[in-house]
PDB file of N, CA and C in Angstrom:
ATOM      1  N   PRO A   1      20.098  13.854 -13.219  1.00  0.00           N
ATOM      2  CA  PRO A   1      18.674  13.659 -13.462  1.00  0.00           C
ATOM      3  C   PRO A   1      18.412  13.119 -14.874  1.00  0.00           C
ATOM      4  N   VAL A   2      17.488  12.206 -14.966  1.00  0.00           N
ATOM      5  CA  VAL A   2      17.084  11.638 -16.243  1.00  0.00           C
ATOM      6  C   VAL A   2      15.676  12.134 -16.542  1.00  0.00           C
ATOM      7  N   CYS A   3      15.456  12.713 -17.697  1.00  0.00           N
ATOM      8  CA  CYS A   3      14.148  13.229 -18.107  1.00  0.00           C
ATOM      9  C   CYS A   3      13.578  14.207 -17.080  1.00  0.00           C
ATOM     10  N   GLY A   4      14.410  15.012 -16.456  1.00  0.00           N
ATOM     11  CA  GLY A   4      13.930  15.999 -15.502  1.00  0.00           C
ATOM     12  C   GLY A   4      13.612  15.446 -14.123  1.00  0.00           C
ATOM     13  N   LEU A   5      13.837  14.156 -13.899  1.00  0.00           N
ATOM     14  CA  LEU A   5      13.559  13.558 -12.592  1.00  0.00           C
ATOM     15  C   LEU A   5      14.836  13.517 -11.784  1.00  0.00           C
ATOM     16  N   LYS A   6      14.746  13.818 -10.490  1.00  0.00           N
ATOM     17  CA  LYS A   6      15.942  13.742  -9.667  1.00  0.00           C
ATOM     18  C   LYS A   6      15.988  12.411  -8.922  1.00  0.00           C
ATOM     19  N   THR A   7      17.168  11.928  -8.678  1.00  0.00           N
ATOM     20  CA  THR A   7      17.361  10.676  -7.963  1.00  0.00           C
ATOM     21  C   THR A   7      17.194  10.917  -6.472  1.00  0.00           C
ATOM     22  N   ILE A   8      16.467  10.026  -5.803  1.00  0.00           N
ATOM     23  CA  ILE A   8      16.256  10.134  -4.366  1.00  0.00           C
ATOM     24  C   ILE A   8      17.003   9.000  -3.685  1.00  0.00           C
ATOM     25  N   ASN A   9      17.824   9.336  -2.706  1.00  0.00           N
ATOM     26  CA  ASN A   9      18.498   8.323  -1.903  1.00  0.00           C
ATOM     27  C   ASN A   9      17.580   8.016  -0.720  1.00  0.00           C
ATOM     28  N   PHE A  10      16.817   6.908  -0.808  1.00  0.00           N
ATOM     29  CA  PHE A  10      15.843   6.575   0.221  1.00  0.00           C
ATOM     30  C   PHE A  10      16.495   6.262   1.561  1.00  0.00           C
ATOM     31  N   ASN A  11      17.773   5.883   1.571  1.00  0.00           N
ATOM     32  CA  ASN A  11      18.456   5.585   2.827  1.00  0.00           C
ATOM     33  C   ASN A  11      18.653   6.836   3.683  1.00  0.00           C
ATOM     34  N   LYS A  12      18.588   8.017   3.086  1.00  0.00           N
ATOM     35  CA  LYS A  12      18.805   9.256   3.831  1.00  0.00           C
ATOM     36  C   LYS A  12      17.514   9.941   4.252  1.00  0.00           C
ATOM     37  N   LEU A  13      16.367   9.389   3.854  1.00  0.00           N
ATOM     38  CA  LEU A  13      15.098   9.993   4.227  1.00  0.00           C
ATOM     39  C   LEU A  13      14.709   9.570   5.643  1.00  0.00           C
ATOM     40  N   PRO A  14      14.045  10.456   6.402  1.00  0.00           N
ATOM     41  CA  PRO A  14      13.699  10.152   7.793  1.00  0.00           C
ATOM     42  C   PRO A  14      12.414   9.336   7.915  1.00  0.00           C
ATOM     43  N   HIS A  15      12.308   8.215   7.197  1.00  0.00           N
ATOM     44  CA  HIS A  15      11.140   7.353   7.329  1.00  0.00           C
ATOM     45  C   HIS A  15      11.595   5.898   7.336  1.00  0.00           C
ATOM     46  N   ARG A  16      10.757   5.062   7.894  1.00  0.00           N
ATOM     47  CA  ARG A  16      11.029   3.623   7.904  1.00  0.00           C
ATOM     48  C   ARG A  16       9.757   2.917   7.482  1.00  0.00           C
ATOM     49  N   HIS A  17       9.902   1.915   6.635  1.00  0.00           N
ATOM     50  CA  HIS A  17       8.779   1.111   6.178  1.00  0.00           C
ATOM     51  C   HIS A  17       9.103  -0.324   6.527  1.00  0.00           C
ATOM     52  N   LYS A  18       8.183  -0.993   7.197  1.00  0.00           N
ATOM     53  CA  LYS A  18       8.479  -2.354   7.613  1.00  0.00           C
ATOM     54  C   LYS A  18       7.198  -3.172   7.555  1.00  0.00           C
ATOM     55  N   ASN A  19       7.335  -4.393   7.067  1.00  0.00           N
ATOM     56  CA  ASN A  19       6.224  -5.325   7.128  1.00  0.00           C
ATOM     57  C   ASN A  19       6.179  -5.872   8.542  1.00  0.00           C
ATOM     58  N   ILE A  20       5.046  -5.741   9.208  1.00  0.00           N
ATOM     59  CA  ILE A  20       4.892  -6.272  10.551  1.00  0.00           C
ATOM     60  C   ILE A  20       4.898  -7.790  10.475  1.00  0.00           C
ATOM     61  N   LEU A  21       4.284  -8.314   9.456  1.00  0.00           N
ATOM     62  CA  LEU A  21       4.198  -9.749   9.229  1.00  0.00           C
ATOM     63  C   LEU A  21       4.671  -9.978   7.803  1.00  0.00           C
ATOM     64  N   SER A  22       5.548 -10.936   7.596  1.00  0.00           N
ATOM     65  CA  SER A  22       5.959 -11.225   6.223  1.00  0.00           C
ATOM     66  C   SER A  22       4.700 -11.493   5.416  1.00  0.00           C
ATOM     67  N   PRO A  23       4.632 -10.960   4.195  1.00  0.00           N
ATOM     68  CA  PRO A  23       3.424 -11.187   3.397  1.00  0.00           C
ATOM     69  C   PRO A  23       3.147 -12.686   3.284  1.00  0.00           C
ATOM     70  N   ILE A  24       1.905 -13.063   3.546  1.00  0.00           N
ATOM     71  CA  ILE A  24       1.519 -14.460   3.408  1.00  0.00           C
ATOM     72  C   ILE A  24       0.584 -14.567   2.221  1.00  0.00           C
ATOM     73  N   SER A  25       0.584 -15.722   1.576  1.00  0.00           N
ATOM     74  CA  SER A  25      -0.203 -15.862   0.364  1.00  0.00           C
ATOM     75  C   SER A  25      -0.711 -17.296   0.212  1.00  0.00           C
ATOM     76  N   PRO A  26      -1.747 -17.669   0.982  1.00  0.00           N
ATOM     77  CA  PRO A  26      -2.291 -19.012   0.818  1.00  0.00           C
ATOM     78  C   PRO A  26      -2.902 -19.188  -0.567  1.00  0.00           C
ATOM     79  N   THR A  27      -2.720 -20.367  -1.139  1.00  0.00           N
ATOM     80  CA  THR A  27      -3.204 -20.670  -2.481  1.00  0.00           C
ATOM     81  C   THR A  27      -4.126 -21.884  -2.432  1.00  0.00           C
ATOM     82  N   PHE A  28      -5.256 -21.790  -3.141  1.00  0.00           N
ATOM     83  CA  PHE A  28      -6.214 -22.887  -3.245  1.00  0.00           C
ATOM     84  C   PHE A  28      -6.568 -23.056  -4.711  1.00  0.00           C
ATOM     85  N   GLY A  29      -5.884 -23.959  -5.397  1.00  0.00           N
ATOM     86  CA  GLY A  29      -6.105 -24.138  -6.828  1.00  0.00           C
ATOM     87  C   GLY A  29      -5.693 -22.889  -7.583  1.00  0.00           C
ATOM     88  N   LYS A  30      -6.645 -22.287  -8.294  1.00  0.00           N
ATOM     89  CA  LYS A  30      -6.352 -21.071  -9.064  1.00  0.00           C
ATOM     90  C   LYS A  30      -6.544 -19.790  -8.246  1.00  0.00           C
ATOM     91  N   PHE A  31      -6.944 -19.929  -6.989  1.00  0.00           N
ATOM     92  CA  PHE A  31      -7.162 -18.770  -6.118  1.00  0.00           C
ATOM     93  C   PHE A  31      -5.964 -18.544  -5.206  1.00  0.00           C
ATOM     94  N   GLU A  32      -5.635 -17.282  -5.006  1.00  0.00           N
ATOM     95  CA  GLU A  32      -4.532 -16.899  -4.119  1.00  0.00           C
ATOM     96  C   GLU A  32      -5.024 -15.723  -3.263  1.00  0.00           C
ATOM     97  N   PHE A  33      -4.624 -15.694  -1.987  1.00  0.00           N
ATOM     98  CA  PHE A  33      -5.102 -14.670  -1.058  1.00  0.00           C
ATOM     99  C   PHE A  33      -3.945 -13.992  -0.322  1.00  0.00           C
ATOM    100  N   PRO A  34      -3.156 -13.163  -1.003  1.00  0.00           N
ATOM    101  CA  PRO A  34      -2.052 -12.456  -0.343  1.00  0.00           C
ATOM    102  C   PRO A  34      -2.558 -11.473   0.720  1.00  0.00           C
ATOM    103  N   LEU A  35      -1.863 -11.447   1.859  1.00  0.00           N
ATOM    104  CA  LEU A  35      -2.202 -10.560   2.964  1.00  0.00           C
ATOM    105  C   LEU A  35      -0.933  -9.880   3.446  1.00  0.00           C
ATOM    106  N   ARG A  36      -1.011  -8.545   3.625  1.00  0.00           N
ATOM    107  CA  ARG A  36       0.126  -7.769   4.143  1.00  0.00           C
ATOM    108  C   ARG A  36      -0.316  -6.949   5.342  1.00  0.00           C
ATOM    109  N   LEU A  37       0.517  -6.921   6.369  1.00  0.00           N
ATOM    110  CA  LEU A  37       0.362  -6.018   7.503  1.00  0.00           C
ATOM    111  C   LEU A  37       1.599  -5.144   7.502  1.00  0.00           C
ATOM    112  N   GLU A  38       1.417  -3.817   7.480  1.00  0.00           N
ATOM    113  CA  GLU A  38       2.565  -2.923   7.349  1.00  0.00           C
ATOM    114  C   GLU A  38       2.558  -1.825   8.403  1.00  0.00           C
ATOM    115  N   TYR A  39       3.751  -1.404   8.767  1.00  0.00           N
ATOM    116  CA  TYR A  39       3.943  -0.255   9.649  1.00  0.00           C
ATOM    117  C   TYR A  39       4.916   0.683   8.952  1.00  0.00           C
ATOM    118  N   ILE A  40       4.579   1.958   8.912  1.00  0.00           N
ATOM    119  CA  ILE A  40       5.438   2.958   8.286  1.00  0.00           C
ATOM    120  C   ILE A  40       5.636   4.096   9.284  1.00  0.00           C
ATOM    121  N   HIS A  41       6.874   4.425   9.560  1.00  0.00           N
ATOM    122  CA  HIS A  41       7.176   5.605  10.371  1.00  0.00           C
ATOM    123  C   HIS A  41       7.746   6.636   9.411  1.00  0.00           C
ATOM    124  N   GLN A  42       6.947   7.627   9.059  1.00  0.00           N
ATOM    125  CA  GLN A  42       7.401   8.612   8.080  1.00  0.00           C
ATOM    126  C   GLN A  42       8.005   9.838   8.738  1.00  0.00           C
ATOM    127  N   GLY A  43       7.901   9.947  10.067  1.00  0.00           N
ATOM    128  CA  GLY A  43       8.434  11.140  10.721  1.00  0.00           C
ATOM    129  C   GLY A  43       7.774  12.367  10.133  1.00  0.00           C
ATOM    130  N   LYS A  44       8.549  13.373   9.834  1.00  0.00           N
ATOM    131  CA  LYS A  44       8.012  14.601   9.232  1.00  0.00           C
ATOM    132  C   LYS A  44       8.267  14.652   7.729  1.00  0.00           C
ATOM    133  N   SER A  45       8.660  13.503   7.130  1.00  0.00           N
ATOM    134  CA  SER A  45       9.043  13.495   5.713  1.00  0.00           C
ATOM    135  C   SER A  45       7.871  13.708   4.762  1.00  0.00           C
ATOM    136  N   ARG A  46       6.658  13.333   5.135  1.00  0.00           N
ATOM    137  CA  ARG A  46       5.464  13.425   4.302  1.00  0.00           C
ATOM    138  C   ARG A  46       5.608  12.660   2.988  1.00  0.00           C
ATOM    139  N   ILE A  47       6.447  11.611   2.968  1.00  0.00           N
ATOM    140  CA  ILE A  47       6.656  10.860   1.732  1.00  0.00           C
ATOM    141  C   ILE A  47       5.466   9.963   1.399  1.00  0.00           C
ATOM    142  N   TYR A  48       4.738   9.491   2.407  1.00  0.00           N
ATOM    143  CA  TYR A  48       3.588   8.614   2.166  1.00  0.00           C
ATOM    144  C   TYR A  48       2.271   9.365   2.271  1.00  0.00           C
ATOM    145  N   ILE A  49       2.124  10.185   3.308  1.00  0.00           N
ATOM    146  CA  ILE A  49       0.897  10.957   3.527  1.00  0.00           C
ATOM    147  C   ILE A  49       1.298  12.408   3.730  1.00  0.00           C
ATOM    148  N   ASP A  50       0.625  13.297   3.021  1.00  0.00           N
ATOM    149  CA  ASP A  50       0.991  14.717   3.047  1.00  0.00           C
ATOM    150  C   ASP A  50       0.405  15.415   4.275  1.00  0.00           C
ATOM    151  N   SER A  51       0.908  15.024   5.456  1.00  0.00           N
ATOM    152  CA  SER A  51       0.470  15.648   6.701  1.00  0.00           C
ATOM    153  C   SER A  51       1.632  15.624   7.683  1.00  0.00           C
ATOM    154  N   THR A  52       1.990  16.774   8.203  1.00  0.00           N
ATOM    155  CA  THR A  52       3.091  16.814   9.177  1.00  0.00           C
ATOM    156  C   THR A  52       2.642  16.288  10.532  1.00  0.00           C
ATOM    157  N   ASP A  53       1.327  16.110  10.744  1.00  0.00           N
ATOM    158  CA  ASP A  53       0.818  15.560  11.998  1.00  0.00           C
ATOM    159  C   ASP A  53       0.876  14.032  12.022  1.00  0.00           C
ATOM    160  N   THR A  54       1.117  13.406  10.881  1.00  0.00           N
ATOM    161  CA  THR A  54       1.105  11.949  10.783  1.00  0.00           C
ATOM    162  C   THR A  54       2.526  11.411  10.829  1.00  0.00           C
ATOM    163  N   ASP A  55       2.863  10.749  11.941  1.00  0.00           N
ATOM    164  CA  ASP A  55       4.180  10.126  12.069  1.00  0.00           C
ATOM    165  C   ASP A  55       4.138   8.641  11.755  1.00  0.00           C
ATOM    166  N   ASN A  56       3.093   7.960  12.236  1.00  0.00           N
ATOM    167  CA  ASN A  56       3.002   6.505  12.127  1.00  0.00           C
ATOM    168  C   ASN A  56       1.793   6.104  11.308  1.00  0.00           C
ATOM    169  N   ILE A  57       1.989   5.143  10.428  1.00  0.00           N
ATOM    170  CA  ILE A  57       0.932   4.657   9.545  1.00  0.00           C
ATOM    171  C   ILE A  57       0.877   3.143   9.683  1.00  0.00           C
ATOM    172  N   PHE A  58      -0.337   2.606   9.841  1.00  0.00           N
ATOM    173  CA  PHE A  58      -0.548   1.171   9.902  1.00  0.00           C
ATOM    174  C   PHE A  58      -1.474   0.792   8.758  1.00  0.00           C
ATOM    175  N   ALA A  59      -1.179  -0.319   8.071  1.00  0.00           N
ATOM    176  CA  ALA A  59      -2.006  -0.726   6.937  1.00  0.00           C
ATOM    177  C   ALA A  59      -2.192  -2.245   6.927  1.00  0.00           C
ATOM    178  N   VAL A  60      -3.395  -2.659   6.509  1.00  0.00           N
ATOM    179  CA  VAL A  60      -3.723  -4.066   6.292  1.00  0.00           C
ATOM    180  C   VAL A  60      -4.261  -4.157   4.872  1.00  0.00           C
ATOM    181  N   THR A  61      -3.691  -5.051   4.071  1.00  0.00           N
ATOM    182  CA  THR A  61      -4.096  -5.177   2.669  1.00  0.00           C
ATOM    183  C   THR A  61      -4.338  -6.642   2.324  1.00  0.00           C
ATOM    184  N   LEU A  62      -5.491  -6.926   1.721  1.00  0.00           N
ATOM    185  CA  LEU A  62      -5.833  -8.258   1.234  1.00  0.00           C
ATOM    186  C   LEU A  62      -6.029  -8.163  -0.271  1.00  0.00           C
ATOM    187  N   THR A  63      -5.408  -9.085  -1.008  1.00  0.00           N
ATOM    188  CA  THR A  63      -5.447  -9.038  -2.475  1.00  0.00           C
ATOM    189  C   THR A  63      -5.867 -10.395  -3.051  1.00  0.00           C
ATOM    190  N   PRO A  64      -7.166 -10.738  -2.999  1.00  0.00           N
ATOM    191  CA  PRO A  64      -7.593 -12.002  -3.596  1.00  0.00           C
ATOM    192  C   PRO A  64      -7.350 -11.989  -5.100  1.00  0.00           C
ATOM    193  N   THR A  65      -6.752 -13.073  -5.585  1.00  0.00           N
ATOM    194  CA  THR A  65      -6.361 -13.163  -6.994  1.00  0.00           C
ATOM    195  C   THR A  65      -6.862 -14.479  -7.581  1.00  0.00           C
ATOM    196  N   TYR A  66      -7.406 -14.413  -8.795  1.00  0.00           N
ATOM    197  CA  TYR A  66      -7.809 -15.619  -9.521  1.00  0.00           C
ATOM    198  C   TYR A  66      -6.954 -15.696 -10.777  1.00  0.00           C
ATOM    199  N   HIS A  67      -6.244 -16.800 -10.937  1.00  0.00           N
ATOM    200  CA  HIS A  67      -5.381 -16.996 -12.110  1.00  0.00           C
ATOM    201  C   HIS A  67      -6.209 -17.639 -13.217  1.00  0.00           C
ATOM    202  N   LEU A  68      -6.542 -16.834 -14.229  1.00  0.00           N
ATOM    203  CA  LEU A  68      -7.343 -17.310 -15.356  1.00  0.00           C
ATOM    204  C   LEU A  68      -6.580 -18.361 -16.148  1.00  0.00           C
ATOM    205  N   THR A  69      -5.313 -18.075 -16.416  1.00  0.00           N
ATOM    206  CA  THR A  69      -4.405 -18.996 -17.102  1.00  0.00           C
ATOM    207  C   THR A  69      -3.046 -18.855 -16.427  1.00  0.00           C
ATOM    208  N   LYS A  70      -2.045 -19.508 -16.971  1.00  0.00           N
ATOM    209  CA  LYS A  70      -0.690 -19.400 -16.428  1.00  0.00           C
ATOM    210  C   LYS A  70      -0.175 -17.957 -16.482  1.00  0.00           C
ATOM    211  N   ASN A  71      -0.610 -17.193 -17.502  1.00  0.00           N
ATOM    212  CA  ASN A  71      -0.103 -15.838 -17.713  1.00  0.00           C
ATOM    213  C   ASN A  71      -1.147 -14.736 -17.595  1.00  0.00           C
ATOM    214  N   ALA A  72      -2.335 -15.041 -17.080  1.00  0.00           N
ATOM    215  CA  ALA A  72      -3.372 -14.020 -16.951  1.00  0.00           C
ATOM    216  C   ALA A  72      -4.059 -14.149 -15.590  1.00  0.00           C
ATOM    217  N   TYR A  73      -4.392 -13.023 -15.011  1.00  0.00           N
ATOM    218  CA  TYR A  73      -5.035 -13.033 -13.696  1.00  0.00           C
ATOM    219  C   TYR A  73      -6.018 -11.874 -13.573  1.00  0.00           C
ATOM    220  N   ILE A  74      -6.898 -11.995 -12.606  1.00  0.00           N
ATOM    221  CA  ILE A  74      -7.801 -10.920 -12.224  1.00  0.00           C
ATOM    222  C   ILE A  74      -7.744 -10.849 -10.703  1.00  0.00           C
ATOM    223  N   ARG A  75      -7.707  -9.641 -10.175  1.00  0.00           N
ATOM    224  CA  ARG A  75      -7.602  -9.494  -8.715  1.00  0.00           C
ATOM    225  C   ARG A  75      -8.354  -8.277  -8.226  1.00  0.00           C
ATOM    226  N   ALA A  76      -8.693  -8.341  -6.962  1.00  0.00           N
ATOM    227  CA  ALA A  76      -9.259  -7.202  -6.245  1.00  0.00           C
ATOM    228  C   ALA A  76      -8.296  -6.909  -5.104  1.00  0.00           C
ATOM    229  N   GLU A  77      -8.289  -5.683  -4.644  1.00  0.00           N
ATOM    230  CA  GLU A  77      -7.432  -5.346  -3.509  1.00  0.00           C
ATOM    231  C   GLU A  77      -8.208  -4.430  -2.582  1.00  0.00           C
ATOM    232  N   GLY A  78      -8.186  -4.792  -1.311  1.00  0.00           N
ATOM    233  CA  GLY A  78      -8.827  -3.968  -0.296  1.00  0.00           C
ATOM    234  C   GLY A  78      -7.819  -3.622   0.775  1.00  0.00           C
ATOM    235  N   SER A  79      -7.782  -2.359   1.177  1.00  0.00           N
ATOM    236  CA  SER A  79      -6.831  -1.901   2.194  1.00  0.00           C
ATOM    237  C   SER A  79      -7.544  -1.063   3.237  1.00  0.00           C
ATOM    238  N   TYR A  80      -7.084  -1.212   4.469  1.00  0.00           N
ATOM    239  CA  TYR A  80      -7.484  -0.342   5.565  1.00  0.00           C
ATOM    240  C   TYR A  80      -6.206   0.336   6.042  1.00  0.00           C
ATOM    241  N   ILE A  81      -6.212   1.663   6.109  1.00  0.00           N
ATOM    242  CA  ILE A  81      -5.032   2.410   6.538  1.00  0.00           C
ATOM    243  C   ILE A  81      -5.420   3.299   7.711  1.00  0.00           C
ATOM    244  N   HIS A  82      -4.614   3.236   8.769  1.00  0.00           N
ATOM    245  CA  HIS A  82      -4.814   4.106   9.930  1.00  0.00           C
ATOM    246  C   HIS A  82      -3.610   5.033  10.028  1.00  0.00           C
ATOM    247  N   ALA A  83      -3.865   6.329  10.016  1.00  0.00           N
ATOM    248  CA  ALA A  83      -2.818   7.343  10.138  1.00  0.00           C
ATOM    249  C   ALA A  83      -3.430   8.521  10.872  1.00  0.00           C
ATOM    250  N   LYS A  84      -3.003   8.769  12.099  1.00  0.00           N
ATOM    251  CA  LYS A  84      -3.596   9.829  12.925  1.00  0.00           C
ATOM    252  C   LYS A  84      -3.570  11.166  12.180  1.00  0.00           C
ATOM    253  N   ASP A  85      -4.754  11.744  12.003  1.00  0.00           N
ATOM    254  CA  ASP A  85      -4.926  13.023  11.307  1.00  0.00           C
ATOM    255  C   ASP A  85      -4.331  13.008   9.899  1.00  0.00           C
ATOM    256  N   GLY A  86      -4.344  11.849   9.243  1.00  0.00           N
ATOM    257  CA  GLY A  86      -3.688  11.717   7.950  1.00  0.00           C
ATOM    258  C   GLY A  86      -4.545  11.994   6.737  1.00  0.00           C
ATOM    259  N   PHE A  87      -5.863  12.015   6.902  1.00  0.00           N
ATOM    260  CA  PHE A  87      -6.741  12.130   5.748  1.00  0.00           C
ATOM    261  C   PHE A  87      -7.801  13.189   5.992  1.00  0.00           C
ATOM    262  N   SER A  88      -8.366  13.692   4.917  1.00  0.00           N
ATOM    263  CA  SER A  88      -9.520  14.585   5.035  1.00  0.00           C
ATOM    264  C   SER A  88     -10.567  14.136   4.032  1.00  0.00           C
ATOM    265  N   ASN A  89     -11.841  14.355   4.382  1.00  0.00           N
ATOM    266  CA  ASN A  89     -12.913  13.983   3.460  1.00  0.00           C
ATOM    267  C   ASN A  89     -13.238  15.176   2.553  1.00  0.00           C
ATOM    268  N   ASN A  90     -14.282  15.050   1.745  1.00  0.00           N
ATOM    269  CA  ASN A  90     -14.656  16.110   0.799  1.00  0.00           C
ATOM    270  C   ASN A  90     -15.041  17.411   1.489  1.00  0.00           C
ATOM    271  N   SER A  91     -15.462  17.317   2.756  1.00  0.00           N
ATOM    272  CA  SER A  91     -15.842  18.508   3.516  1.00  0.00           C
ATOM    273  C   SER A  91     -14.659  19.148   4.226  1.00  0.00           C
ATOM    274  N   GLY A  92     -13.481  18.505   4.141  1.00  0.00           N
ATOM    275  CA  GLY A  92     -12.300  19.038   4.802  1.00  0.00           C
ATOM    276  C   GLY A  92     -12.129  18.562   6.235  1.00  0.00           C
ATOM    277  N   ASP A  93     -13.027  17.659   6.700  1.00  0.00           N
ATOM    278  CA  ASP A  93     -12.908  17.120   8.052  1.00  0.00           C
ATOM    279  C   ASP A  93     -11.725  16.166   8.117  1.00  0.00           C
ATOM    280  N   ILE A  94     -10.918  16.289   9.157  1.00  0.00           N
ATOM    281  CA  ILE A  94      -9.739  15.439   9.330  1.00  0.00           C
ATOM    282  C   ILE A  94     -10.167  14.068   9.840  1.00  0.00           C
ATOM    283  N   LYS A  95      -9.637  13.028   9.228  1.00  0.00           N
ATOM    284  CA  LYS A  95      -9.962  11.640   9.577  1.00  0.00           C
ATOM    285  C   LYS A  95      -8.680  10.864   9.844  1.00  0.00           C
ATOM    286  N   ASP A  96      -8.808   9.802  10.656  1.00  0.00           N
ATOM    287  CA  ASP A  96      -7.661   8.941  10.971  1.00  0.00           C
ATOM    288  C   ASP A  96      -7.588   7.703  10.085  1.00  0.00           C
ATOM    289  N   ASN A  97      -8.678   7.348   9.410  1.00  0.00           N
ATOM    290  CA  ASN A  97      -8.744   6.084   8.675  1.00  0.00           C
ATOM    291  C   ASN A  97      -9.169   6.296   7.235  1.00  0.00           C
ATOM    292  N   ARG A  98      -8.744   5.374   6.401  1.00  0.00           N
ATOM    293  CA  ARG A  98      -9.161   5.396   4.998  1.00  0.00           C
ATOM    294  C   ARG A  98      -9.230   3.950   4.509  1.00  0.00           C
ATOM    295  N   TYR A  99     -10.194   3.694   3.632  1.00  0.00           N
ATOM    296  CA  TYR A  99     -10.354   2.385   3.012  1.00  0.00           C
ATOM    297  C   TYR A  99     -10.134   2.544   1.517  1.00  0.00           C
ATOM    298  N   TYR A 100      -9.474   1.568   0.914  1.00  0.00           N
ATOM    299  CA  TYR A 100      -9.256   1.565  -0.531  1.00  0.00           C
ATOM    300  C   TYR A 100      -9.766   0.253  -1.098  1.00  0.00           C
ATOM    301  N   LEU A 101     -10.335   0.305  -2.273  1.00  0.00           N
ATOM    302  CA  LEU A 101     -10.772  -0.886  -2.983  1.00  0.00           C
ATOM    303  C   LEU A 101     -10.421  -0.685  -4.451  1.00  0.00           C
ATOM    304  N   SER A 102      -9.777  -1.673  -5.033  1.00  0.00           N
ATOM    305  CA  SER A 102      -9.407  -1.561  -6.449  1.00  0.00           C
ATOM    306  C   SER A 102      -9.500  -2.933  -7.105  1.00  0.00           C
ATOM    307  N   SER A 103      -9.462  -2.940  -8.423  1.00  0.00           N
ATOM    308  CA  SER A 103      -9.456  -4.198  -9.177  1.00  0.00           C
ATOM    309  C   SER A 103      -8.432  -4.085 -10.293  1.00  0.00           C
ATOM    310  N   GLU A 104      -7.992  -5.243 -10.760  1.00  0.00           N
ATOM    311  CA  GLU A 104      -6.935  -5.270 -11.768  1.00  0.00           C
ATOM    312  C   GLU A 104      -7.046  -6.540 -12.601  1.00  0.00           C
ATOM    313  N   VAL A 105      -6.804  -6.414 -13.865  1.00  0.00           N
ATOM    314  CA  VAL A 105      -6.678  -7.553 -14.779  1.00  0.00           C
ATOM    315  C   VAL A 105      -5.288  -7.445 -15.360  1.00  0.00           C
ATOM    316  N   GLY A 106      -4.536  -8.545 -15.361  1.00  0.00           N
ATOM    317  CA  GLY A 106      -3.162  -8.451 -15.819  1.00  0.00           C
ATOM    318  C   GLY A 106      -2.689  -9.636 -16.636  1.00  0.00           C
ATOM    319  N   LEU A 107      -1.653  -9.379 -17.405  1.00  0.00           N
ATOM    320  CA  LEU A 107      -0.953 -10.410 -18.169  1.00  0.00           C
ATOM    321  C   LEU A 107       0.494 -10.434 -17.701  1.00  0.00           C
ATOM    322  N   VAL A 108       1.039 -11.643 -17.597  1.00  0.00           N
ATOM    323  CA  VAL A 108       2.423 -11.823 -17.171  1.00  0.00           C
ATOM    324  C   VAL A 108       3.243 -12.224 -18.398  1.00  0.00           C
ATOM    325  N   PHE A 109       4.293 -11.471 -18.680  1.00  0.00           N
ATOM    326  CA  PHE A 109       5.181 -11.779 -19.810  1.00  0.00           C
ATOM    327  C   PHE A 109       6.485 -12.307 -19.256  1.00  0.00           C
ATOM    328  N   LYS A 110       6.844 -13.495 -19.636  1.00  0.00           N
ATOM    329  CA  LYS A 110       8.095 -14.095 -19.134  1.00  0.00           C
ATOM    330  C   LYS A 110       9.097 -14.246 -20.241  1.00  0.00           C
TER     331      LYS A 110
END
C-alpha cells in the first residue's frame, strides 16, 4: 500500500464495464460533441452503485465541448443513468433513474 491506499486488482472483481457503442465525437470547428453509451454489470460488487439490488447499469453521456484555444476548453456534461433500484431521493424513495449535469473549464499542458 502507498499512503495507506490498497491496490485493487480490477481483473478479479465481479463486474464488467463495456461501451455499447465506441465513443463518438463529431467536431464542427471549435465545437466537439462526444457521446458515450455504456453498460456496466456490477453483479453484487457495489463498485459503481452502493446497492446489492443493482446488477446492471446503463448510461448515456453527452459532453459538448468548446475549444477556446489550442490548450483551453469549456464543456458541459449531461448523463442519464438507469440502474434498477440504484438510487434514492432526499425522502429515501428508491428510484431507477438519475440525471447528472456538470460543467468544466480546463487547460491542457503538453
